[in-house]
């Protein structure tokens, strides 16, 4: 597994020894890179178990597969699509 894969790793930037819940408070390291922060956000989205968010998790997984090695691009596209979907509701 590469460092770009969010599966089964704590959110990047989380304080050592902490295990924040998805959507919960996390204390990112002051020196966390943008990529580490992006991977942390992706991890939180994919770790969520809310049934209403299943479409978002599935869509993010598809975007990650479509853009291997580019988690920033996948997350950006995910956020744009999510915003459009919620704005149209």
C-alpha atoms as a PDB file:
ATOM      1  CA  UNK A   1       0.000   0.000   0.000  1.00  0.00           C
ATOM      2  CA  UNK A   2       1.331   3.386  -0.936  1.00  0.00           C
ATOM      3  CA  UNK A   3       1.238   6.475   1.279  1.00  0.00           C
ATOM      4  CA  UNK A   4      -1.455   7.886  -1.010  1.00  0.00           C
ATOM      5  CA  UNK A   5      -3.973   5.181  -0.134  1.00  0.00           C
ATOM      6  CA  UNK A   6      -6.347   6.174   2.640  1.00  0.00           C
ATOM      7  CA  UNK A   7      -7.506   2.683   3.644  1.00  0.00           C
ATOM      8  CA  UNK A   8      -6.877   1.533   7.206  1.00  0.00           C
ATOM      9  CA  UNK A   9      -4.605   4.352   8.251  1.00  0.00           C
ATOM     10  CA  UNK A  10      -5.395   7.100  10.737  1.00  0.00           C
ATOM     11  CA  UNK A  11      -6.188  10.467   9.244  1.00  0.00           C
ATOM     12  CA  UNK A  12      -3.054  12.276   8.198  1.00  0.00           C
ATOM     13  CA  UNK A  13      -2.289  15.191  10.427  1.00  0.00           C
ATOM     14  CA  UNK A  14      -4.065  13.700  13.433  1.00  0.00           C
ATOM     15  CA  UNK A  15      -2.373  14.104  16.776  1.00  0.00           C
ATOM     16  CA  UNK A  16      -0.270  11.044  17.732  1.00  0.00           C
ATOM     17  CA  UNK A  17      -2.342   8.452  19.528  1.00  0.00           C
ATOM     18  CA  UNK A  18      -5.642  10.137  18.688  1.00  0.00           C
ATOM     19  CA  UNK A  19      -8.393   8.415  16.785  1.00  0.00           C
ATOM     20  CA  UNK A  20     -10.982  11.028  15.817  1.00  0.00           C
ATOM     21  CA  UNK A  21     -14.358   9.882  14.599  1.00  0.00           C
ATOM     22  CA  UNK A  22     -15.459  10.904  11.115  1.00  0.00           C
ATOM     23  CA  UNK A  23     -16.745  14.444  11.323  1.00  0.00           C
ATOM     24  CA  UNK A  24     -15.245  14.805  14.775  1.00  0.00           C
ATOM     25  CA  UNK A  25     -12.557  17.216  15.861  1.00  0.00           C
ATOM     26  CA  UNK A  26      -9.040  16.448  14.759  1.00  0.00           C
ATOM     27  CA  UNK A  27      -5.908  18.337  15.581  1.00  0.00           C
ATOM     28  CA  UNK A  28      -3.827  18.391  12.414  1.00  0.00           C
ATOM     29  CA  UNK A  29      -0.117  18.705  12.797  1.00  0.00           C
ATOM     30  CA  UNK A  30       1.023  22.251  12.074  1.00  0.00           C
ATOM     31  CA  UNK A  31       3.449  20.878   9.477  1.00  0.00           C
ATOM     32  CA  UNK A  32       0.978  18.552   7.702  1.00  0.00           C
ATOM     33  CA  UNK A  33       1.230  18.831   3.951  1.00  0.00           C
ATOM     34  CA  UNK A  34      -1.787  19.515   1.780  1.00  0.00           C
ATOM     35  CA  UNK A  35      -1.631  15.917   0.525  1.00  0.00           C
ATOM     36  CA  UNK A  36      -1.653  14.594   4.102  1.00  0.00           C
ATOM     37  CA  UNK A  37      -4.663  16.764   4.899  1.00  0.00           C
ATOM     38  CA  UNK A  38      -6.458  15.637   1.732  1.00  0.00           C
ATOM     39  CA  UNK A  39      -5.816  11.987   2.554  1.00  0.00           C
ATOM     40  CA  UNK A  40      -7.150  12.591   6.061  1.00  0.00           C
ATOM     41  CA  UNK A  41     -10.365  14.080   4.661  1.00  0.00           C
ATOM     42  CA  UNK A  42     -10.712  11.186   2.212  1.00  0.00           C
ATOM     43  CA  UNK A  43     -10.182   8.706   5.031  1.00  0.00           C
ATOM     44  CA  UNK A  44     -12.899  10.388   7.097  1.00  0.00           C
ATOM     45  CA  UNK A  45     -15.365  10.300   4.200  1.00  0.00           C
ATOM     46  CA  UNK A  46     -14.695   6.644   3.422  1.00  0.00           C
ATOM     47  CA  UNK A  47     -14.807   5.642   7.108  1.00  0.00           C
ATOM     48  CA  UNK A  48     -18.258   7.161   7.605  1.00  0.00           C
ATOM     49  CA  UNK A  49     -21.010   4.555   8.023  1.00  0.00           C
ATOM     50  CA  UNK A  50     -24.071   6.780   7.600  1.00  0.00           C
ATOM     51  CA  UNK A  51     -26.381   5.103   5.045  1.00  0.00           C
ATOM     52  CA  UNK A  52     -27.298   8.480   3.533  1.00  0.00           C
ATOM     53  CA  UNK A  53     -23.667   9.006   2.550  1.00  0.00           C
ATOM     54  CA  UNK A  54     -23.282   5.724   0.670  1.00  0.00           C
ATOM     55  CA  UNK A  55     -23.583   7.465  -2.719  1.00  0.00           C
ATOM     56  CA  UNK A  56     -20.840   9.926  -1.750  1.00  0.00           C
ATOM     57  CA  UNK A  57     -18.468   7.200  -0.588  1.00  0.00           C
ATOM     58  CA  UNK A  58     -19.085   5.174  -3.747  1.00  0.00           C
ATOM     59  CA  UNK A  59     -18.574   8.249  -5.931  1.00  0.00           C
ATOM     60  CA  UNK A  60     -15.334   9.187  -4.117  1.00  0.00           C
ATOM     61  CA  UNK A  61     -14.007   5.646  -4.518  1.00  0.00           C
ATOM     62  CA  UNK A  62     -14.742   5.842  -8.255  1.00  0.00           C
ATOM     63  CA  UNK A  63     -12.949   9.189  -8.506  1.00  0.00           C
ATOM     64  CA  UNK A  64      -9.933   7.821  -6.625  1.00  0.00           C
ATOM     65  CA  UNK A  65      -9.807   4.902  -9.083  1.00  0.00           C
ATOM     66  CA  UNK A  66     -10.142   7.300 -12.023  1.00  0.00           C
ATOM     67  CA  UNK A  67      -7.270   9.463 -10.748  1.00  0.00           C
ATOM     68  CA  UNK A  68      -4.663   7.094  -9.275  1.00  0.00           C
ATOM     69  CA  UNK A  69      -1.932   8.963  -7.438  1.00  0.00           C
ATOM     70  CA  UNK A  70      -3.949  12.204  -7.519  1.00  0.00           C
ATOM     71  CA  UNK A  71      -6.027  12.250  -4.320  1.00  0.00           C
ATOM     72  CA  UNK A  72      -6.221  16.054  -4.447  1.00  0.00           C
ATOM     73  CA  UNK A  73      -7.913  15.976  -7.853  1.00  0.00           C
ATOM     74  CA  UNK A  74     -10.276  13.186  -6.792  1.00  0.00           C
ATOM     75  CA  UNK A  75     -11.314  15.082  -3.643  1.00  0.00           C
ATOM     76  CA  UNK A  76     -11.770  18.349  -5.554  1.00  0.00           C
ATOM     77  CA  UNK A  77     -14.037  16.679  -8.109  1.00  0.00           C
ATOM     78  CA  UNK A  78     -15.910  14.953  -5.280  1.00  0.00           C
ATOM     79  CA  UNK A  79     -16.533  18.259  -3.525  1.00  0.00           C
ATOM     80  CA  UNK A  80     -17.710  19.937  -6.748  1.00  0.00           C
ATOM     81  CA  UNK A  81     -20.131  17.091  -7.533  1.00  0.00           C
ATOM     82  CA  UNK A  82     -21.362  16.965  -3.939  1.00  0.00           C
ATOM     83  CA  UNK A  83     -22.024  20.697  -3.913  1.00  0.00           C
ATOM     84  CA  UNK A  84     -23.955  20.506  -7.175  1.00  0.00           C
ATOM     85  CA  UNK A  85     -26.022  17.615  -5.856  1.00  0.00           C
ATOM     86  CA  UNK A  86     -26.881  19.334  -2.572  1.00  0.00           C
ATOM     87  CA  UNK A  87     -27.559  22.677  -4.280  1.00  0.00           C
ATOM     88  CA  UNK A  88     -30.031  20.998  -6.592  1.00  0.00           C
ATOM     89  CA  UNK A  89     -31.984  19.406  -3.742  1.00  0.00           C
END
